[in-house]
């Protein structure tokens, strides 16, 4: 019984015709880190673009505020009395 004709599995020859498949890490976890990256990308992009859209928004707000106040004045009793002769 001991040792003559038995071979261990570690010394077996490599097999021919054996096909192995592997999946890349990008395919295994395609959305890995997206939530973390999205927060910081939004912050970085917003910081770079704030002057391009922030200034026109503030300017538009101030113009609308002025126009609303002017309209309320012109439609008030004092505004009508002051500008009544122009129409």
C-alpha atoms as a PDB file:
ATOM      1  CA  UNK A   1       0.000   0.000   0.000  1.00  0.00           C
ATOM      2  CA  UNK A   2       2.391   2.663   0.422  1.00  0.00           C
ATOM      3  CA  UNK A   3       3.872   4.612  -2.256  1.00  0.00           C
ATOM      4  CA  UNK A   4       4.564   2.698  -5.396  1.00  0.00           C
ATOM      5  CA  UNK A   5       2.118   3.584  -8.151  1.00  0.00           C
ATOM      6  CA  UNK A   6       0.121   6.504  -6.726  1.00  0.00           C
ATOM      7  CA  UNK A   7       0.751  10.017  -8.025  1.00  0.00           C
ATOM      8  CA  UNK A   8      -0.114  13.170  -6.125  1.00  0.00           C
ATOM      9  CA  UNK A   9      -2.331  15.776  -7.729  1.00  0.00           C
ATOM     10  CA  UNK A  10       0.335  18.445  -7.465  1.00  0.00           C
ATOM     11  CA  UNK A  11       2.641  16.642  -9.847  1.00  0.00           C
ATOM     12  CA  UNK A  12       0.033  15.940 -12.532  1.00  0.00           C
ATOM     13  CA  UNK A  13       0.804  17.289 -16.014  1.00  0.00           C
ATOM     14  CA  UNK A  14      -1.083  20.317 -17.361  1.00  0.00           C
ATOM     15  CA  UNK A  15      -4.257  19.548 -19.186  1.00  0.00           C
ATOM     16  CA  UNK A  16      -4.676  20.254 -22.868  1.00  0.00           C
ATOM     17  CA  UNK A  17      -7.790  21.896 -24.305  1.00  0.00           C
ATOM     18  CA  UNK A  18      -8.827  23.442 -20.998  1.00  0.00           C
ATOM     19  CA  UNK A  19     -10.412  26.888 -21.555  1.00  0.00           C
ATOM     20  CA  UNK A  20     -10.713  29.407 -18.751  1.00  0.00           C
ATOM     21  CA  UNK A  21     -12.677  32.624 -18.820  1.00  0.00           C
ATOM     22  CA  UNK A  22     -12.183  35.766 -16.766  1.00  0.00           C
ATOM     23  CA  UNK A  23     -14.218  38.918 -16.316  1.00  0.00           C
ATOM     24  CA  UNK A  24     -12.449  42.249 -16.003  1.00  0.00           C
ATOM     25  CA  UNK A  25     -12.998  44.291 -12.821  1.00  0.00           C
ATOM     26  CA  UNK A  26     -14.781  46.992 -14.845  1.00  0.00           C
ATOM     27  CA  UNK A  27     -17.357  44.461 -15.950  1.00  0.00           C
ATOM     28  CA  UNK A  28     -17.808  43.078 -12.452  1.00  0.00           C
ATOM     29  CA  UNK A  29     -18.509  46.452 -10.805  1.00  0.00           C
ATOM     30  CA  UNK A  30     -19.320  48.999 -13.519  1.00  0.00           C
ATOM     31  CA  UNK A  31     -20.719  51.570 -11.073  1.00  0.00           C
ATOM     32  CA  UNK A  32     -18.009  51.283  -8.416  1.00  0.00           C
ATOM     33  CA  UNK A  33     -17.329  54.703  -6.919  1.00  0.00           C
ATOM     34  CA  UNK A  34     -19.846  56.608  -9.036  1.00  0.00           C
ATOM     35  CA  UNK A  35     -21.769  58.087  -6.101  1.00  0.00           C
ATOM     36  CA  UNK A  36     -18.580  59.409  -4.514  1.00  0.00           C
ATOM     37  CA  UNK A  37     -17.208  60.742  -7.800  1.00  0.00           C
ATOM     38  CA  UNK A  38     -20.524  62.386  -8.742  1.00  0.00           C
ATOM     39  CA  UNK A  39     -20.613  64.565  -5.625  1.00  0.00           C
ATOM     40  CA  UNK A  40     -17.100  65.885  -6.064  1.00  0.00           C
ATOM     41  CA  UNK A  41     -17.403  66.277  -9.843  1.00  0.00           C
ATOM     42  CA  UNK A  42     -20.573  68.368  -9.439  1.00  0.00           C
ATOM     43  CA  UNK A  43     -18.796  70.562  -6.885  1.00  0.00           C
ATOM     44  CA  UNK A  44     -15.709  70.959  -9.088  1.00  0.00           C
ATOM     45  CA  UNK A  45     -17.707  71.757 -12.233  1.00  0.00           C
ATOM     46  CA  UNK A  46     -20.021  74.171 -10.439  1.00  0.00           C
ATOM     47  CA  UNK A  47     -17.051  75.980  -8.916  1.00  0.00           C
ATOM     48  CA  UNK A  48     -15.585  76.416 -12.392  1.00  0.00           C
ATOM     49  CA  UNK A  49     -18.814  77.699 -13.948  1.00  0.00           C
ATOM     50  CA  UNK A  50     -20.343  79.808 -11.170  1.00  0.00           C
ATOM     51  CA  UNK A  51     -19.249  83.151 -12.636  1.00  0.00           C
ATOM     52  CA  UNK A  52     -20.721  82.296 -16.044  1.00  0.00           C
ATOM     53  CA  UNK A  53     -24.246  81.758 -14.753  1.00  0.00           C
ATOM     54  CA  UNK A  54     -24.207  83.355 -11.281  1.00  0.00           C
ATOM     55  CA  UNK A  55     -23.628  86.933 -12.432  1.00  0.00           C
ATOM     56  CA  UNK A  56     -26.420  86.893 -15.074  1.00  0.00           C
ATOM     57  CA  UNK A  57     -28.839  85.382 -12.549  1.00  0.00           C
ATOM     58  CA  UNK A  58     -28.064  88.102  -9.986  1.00  0.00           C
ATOM     59  CA  UNK A  59     -28.287  90.798 -12.644  1.00  0.00           C
ATOM     60  CA  UNK A  60     -31.615  89.439 -13.876  1.00  0.00           C
ATOM     61  CA  UNK A  61     -32.953  89.274 -10.334  1.00  0.00           C
ATOM     62  CA  UNK A  62     -32.015  92.900  -9.676  1.00  0.00           C
ATOM     63  CA  UNK A  63     -33.610  94.037 -12.956  1.00  0.00           C
ATOM     64  CA  UNK A  64     -36.824  92.138 -12.184  1.00  0.00           C
ATOM     65  CA  UNK A  65     -36.882  93.572  -8.665  1.00  0.00           C
ATOM     66  CA  UNK A  66     -36.439  97.110 -10.014  1.00  0.00           C
ATOM     67  CA  UNK A  67     -39.137  96.555 -12.659  1.00  0.00           C
ATOM     68  CA  UNK A  68     -41.609  95.189 -10.108  1.00  0.00           C
ATOM     69  CA  UNK A  69     -41.061  98.112  -7.752  1.00  0.00           C
ATOM     70  CA  UNK A  70     -41.320 100.598 -10.631  1.00  0.00           C
ATOM     71  CA  UNK A  71     -44.552  98.979 -11.853  1.00  0.00           C
ATOM     72  CA  UNK A  72     -46.051  99.079  -8.370  1.00  0.00           C
ATOM     73  CA  UNK A  73     -45.113 102.756  -8.058  1.00  0.00           C
ATOM     74  CA  UNK A  74     -46.513 103.705 -11.461  1.00  0.00           C
ATOM     75  CA  UNK A  75     -49.788 101.963 -10.641  1.00  0.00           C
ATOM     76  CA  UNK A  76     -50.053 103.587  -7.230  1.00  0.00           C
ATOM     77  CA  UNK A  77     -51.923 106.825  -6.469  1.00  0.00           C
ATOM     78  CA  UNK A  78     -48.646 108.829  -6.289  1.00  0.00           C
ATOM     79  CA  UNK A  79     -47.323 107.423  -9.557  1.00  0.00           C
ATOM     80  CA  UNK A  80     -50.544 108.088 -11.426  1.00  0.00           C
ATOM     81  CA  UNK A  81     -50.673 111.623 -10.139  1.00  0.00           C
ATOM     82  CA  UNK A  82     -47.062 112.300 -11.106  1.00  0.00           C
ATOM     83  CA  UNK A  83     -47.213 110.801 -14.606  1.00  0.00           C
ATOM     84  CA  UNK A  84     -50.877 111.534 -15.458  1.00  0.00           C
ATOM     85  CA  UNK A  85     -50.030 114.290 -17.952  1.00  0.00           C
ATOM     86  CA  UNK A  86     -47.641 112.106 -20.019  1.00  0.00           C
ATOM     87  CA  UNK A  87     -50.319 109.855 -21.484  1.00  0.00           C
END
